[in-house]
Amino acid sequence: MSTLPLRAVLAFLALPGIVGFVGPWLIAGRPVSFAAVDPLALVPFSAGLAVLLWCVAAFYRQGRGTLAPWDPPRHLVRAGLYRWSRNPMYVGVTLIIWGWAVAFHSPAVWIYAAIVMVAFHLRVVLYEEPWLARTFGEDWLRYKGEVRRWF
């Protein structure tokens, strides 16, 4: 029996779970009452969660791997959201963090979002893209020429 489903869930909990959910919640002061939440927060939060879940599923189904750097996809994922952005998963996590910032009117979470966005960009440019080039060669180069990094 494959352990891929379990590995995918653990990677989700370990990475976007911490960056997109636990981190903003702690920074916002661990709000326990959602009565004061700004309902507009549901727009970026829901969109981000949908994007993130779609990407995790695509990595699992099409890439035969997870979002974790220790268990990456075995195949380059180019379908669905990856036709418009080479990094929709990071966009999804960013939208989730924006949702937290809007929900709790938290300047600290907006600052966190900016830091995370810079960290995502640096990770993509300095680590992921060189790894993709080494791993997928010409397929990656064609894809890189066809699809923008972010939007």
Protein backbone atom coordinates (compact mmCIF):
# COMPACT_ATOMS: atom_id res chain seq x y z
CA MET A 1 0.00 0.00 0.00
CA SER A 2 1.30 3.46 -0.92
CA THR A 3 2.13 5.91 1.81
CA LEU A 4 1.73 8.84 -0.61
CA PRO A 5 -1.66 9.98 0.79
CA LEU A 6 -0.27 10.08 4.33
CA ARG A 7 2.89 11.85 3.17
CA ALA A 8 0.78 14.44 1.31
CA VAL A 9 -1.33 15.16 4.41
CA LEU A 10 1.74 15.42 6.66
CA ALA A 11 3.47 17.77 4.22
CA PHE A 12 0.33 19.94 4.08
CA LEU A 13 0.16 20.14 7.88
CA ALA A 14 3.88 20.79 8.25
CA LEU A 15 4.32 23.52 5.64
CA PRO A 16 1.28 25.58 4.60
CA GLY A 17 -0.41 24.53 7.83
CA ILE A 18 2.21 26.33 9.87
CA VAL A 19 2.93 29.25 7.51
CA GLY A 20 -0.65 29.93 6.43
CA PHE A 21 -2.64 29.02 9.52
CA VAL A 22 -0.68 28.68 12.76
CA GLY A 23 1.70 31.60 12.15
CA PRO A 24 -0.97 34.22 11.36
CA TRP A 25 -3.21 32.95 14.15
CA LEU A 26 -0.38 33.34 16.68
CA ILE A 27 0.63 36.75 15.31
CA ALA A 28 -2.98 37.97 15.43
CA GLY A 29 -2.97 37.24 19.16
CA ARG A 30 -4.59 33.79 19.03
CA PRO A 31 -8.13 35.12 18.71
CA VAL A 32 -10.61 32.62 20.11
CA SER A 33 -13.77 34.50 19.22
CA PHE A 34 -14.63 34.76 15.59
CA ALA A 35 -17.55 37.10 16.31
CA ALA A 36 -15.44 40.17 15.47
CA VAL A 37 -14.00 38.69 12.26
CA ASP A 38 -14.42 40.88 9.21
CA PRO A 39 -16.56 38.85 6.78
CA LEU A 40 -14.60 40.29 3.82
CA ALA A 41 -11.76 38.06 4.97
CA LEU A 42 -13.63 35.09 3.56
CA VAL A 43 -12.87 36.26 0.02
CA PRO A 44 -9.05 35.96 0.07
CA PHE A 45 -9.09 33.19 2.68
CA SER A 46 -11.51 30.96 0.74
CA ALA A 47 -9.82 31.64 -2.58
CA GLY A 48 -6.42 30.87 -1.08
CA LEU A 49 -7.64 27.68 0.56
CA ALA A 50 -9.23 26.49 -2.70
CA VAL A 51 -6.02 27.21 -4.64
CA LEU A 52 -3.88 25.50 -2.02
CA LEU A 53 -6.03 22.38 -1.84
CA TRP A 54 -6.18 22.14 -5.65
CA CYS A 55 -2.36 22.38 -5.82
CA VAL A 56 -1.83 19.74 -3.14
CA ALA A 57 -4.19 17.42 -5.05
CA ALA A 58 -2.39 18.15 -8.34
CA PHE A 59 1.00 17.39 -6.80
CA TYR A 60 -0.44 14.14 -5.48
CA ARG A 61 -2.35 13.03 -8.60
CA GLN A 62 -0.28 14.43 -11.47
CA GLY A 63 3.12 14.89 -9.90
CA ARG A 64 3.03 11.71 -7.80
CA GLY A 65 4.60 13.52 -4.86
CA THR A 66 3.92 16.12 -2.21
CA LEU A 67 4.54 19.81 -1.70
CA ALA A 68 7.38 19.04 0.71
CA PRO A 69 10.95 19.57 -0.49
CA TRP A 70 11.88 16.22 1.07
CA ASP A 71 9.20 14.43 -1.02
CA PRO A 72 8.73 16.47 -4.24
CA PRO A 73 6.62 15.53 -7.25
CA ARG A 74 8.21 13.02 -9.60
CA HIS A 75 6.56 14.65 -12.64
CA LEU A 76 6.37 18.32 -13.59
CA VAL A 77 2.84 19.58 -12.93
CA ARG A 78 1.71 21.82 -15.81
CA ALA A 79 -2.08 21.44 -15.84
CA GLY A 80 -4.88 23.42 -14.24
CA LEU A 81 -3.72 26.43 -12.24
CA TYR A 82 -0.15 25.67 -13.28
CA ARG A 83 -1.05 26.79 -16.82
CA TRP A 84 -1.26 30.40 -15.56
CA SER A 85 1.28 30.50 -12.75
CA ARG A 86 4.33 28.39 -12.04
CA ASN A 87 3.72 28.90 -8.32
CA PRO A 88 0.00 28.95 -7.56
CA MET A 89 0.51 27.16 -4.24
CA TYR A 90 2.51 30.08 -2.88
CA VAL A 91 -0.15 32.46 -4.21
CA GLY A 92 -2.78 30.43 -2.36
CA VAL A 93 -0.91 30.53 0.94
CA THR A 94 -0.40 34.28 0.52
CA LEU A 95 -4.13 34.76 -0.02
CA ILE A 96 -4.83 32.77 3.15
CA ILE A 97 -2.49 35.04 5.13
CA TRP A 98 -4.16 38.11 3.61
CA GLY A 99 -7.46 36.65 4.77
CA TRP A 100 -6.15 36.45 8.33
CA ALA A 101 -4.90 40.04 8.12
CA VAL A 102 -8.30 41.27 6.92
CA ALA A 103 -10.19 39.09 9.40
CA PHE A 104 -8.52 40.54 12.45
CA HIS A 105 -7.46 43.96 11.11
CA SER A 106 -3.92 43.06 12.06
CA PRO A 107 -1.02 45.21 10.84
CA ALA A 108 1.33 42.59 12.27
CA VAL A 109 -0.18 39.90 10.02
CA TRP A 110 0.16 42.22 6.99
CA ILE A 111 3.86 42.60 7.85
CA TYR A 112 4.11 38.82 8.23
CA ALA A 113 2.46 38.44 4.81
CA ALA A 114 5.05 40.74 3.23
CA ILE A 115 7.91 38.81 4.83
CA VAL A 116 6.43 35.50 3.70
CA MET A 117 6.02 36.81 0.14
CA VAL A 118 9.68 37.85 0.00
CA ALA A 119 10.71 34.48 1.47
CA PHE A 120 8.59 32.64 -1.12
CA HIS A 121 10.16 34.62 -3.95
CA LEU A 122 13.69 33.97 -2.71
CA ARG A 123 12.96 30.27 -2.23
CA VAL A 124 11.58 29.97 -5.75
CA VAL A 125 14.43 31.86 -7.42
CA LEU A 126 17.33 30.49 -5.38
CA TYR A 127 16.25 26.89 -4.75
CA GLU A 128 13.21 25.64 -6.61
CA GLU A 129 13.88 26.90 -10.11
CA PRO A 130 17.48 25.58 -10.21
CA TRP A 131 16.23 22.23 -8.82
CA LEU A 132 13.47 22.08 -11.45
CA ALA A 133 15.98 22.83 -14.19
CA ARG A 134 18.26 20.02 -13.01
CA THR A 135 15.40 17.58 -12.46
CA PHE A 136 13.15 18.18 -15.47
CA GLY A 137 15.60 19.69 -17.99
CA GLU A 138 14.08 20.66 -21.34
CA ASP A 139 10.51 20.12 -20.12
CA TRP A 140 11.11 22.71 -17.38
CA LEU A 141 12.76 25.16 -19.78
CA ARG A 142 9.78 24.97 -22.17
CA TYR A 143 7.34 25.38 -19.31
CA LYS A 144 9.33 28.29 -17.87
CA GLY A 145 9.20 30.01 -21.26
CA GLU A 146 5.42 29.57 -21.51
CA VAL A 147 4.18 30.38 -17.99
CA ARG A 148 4.97 33.34 -15.73
CA ARG A 149 6.48 32.80 -12.32
CA TRP A 150 3.62 34.37 -10.37
CA PHE A 151 0.77 35.61 -12.58
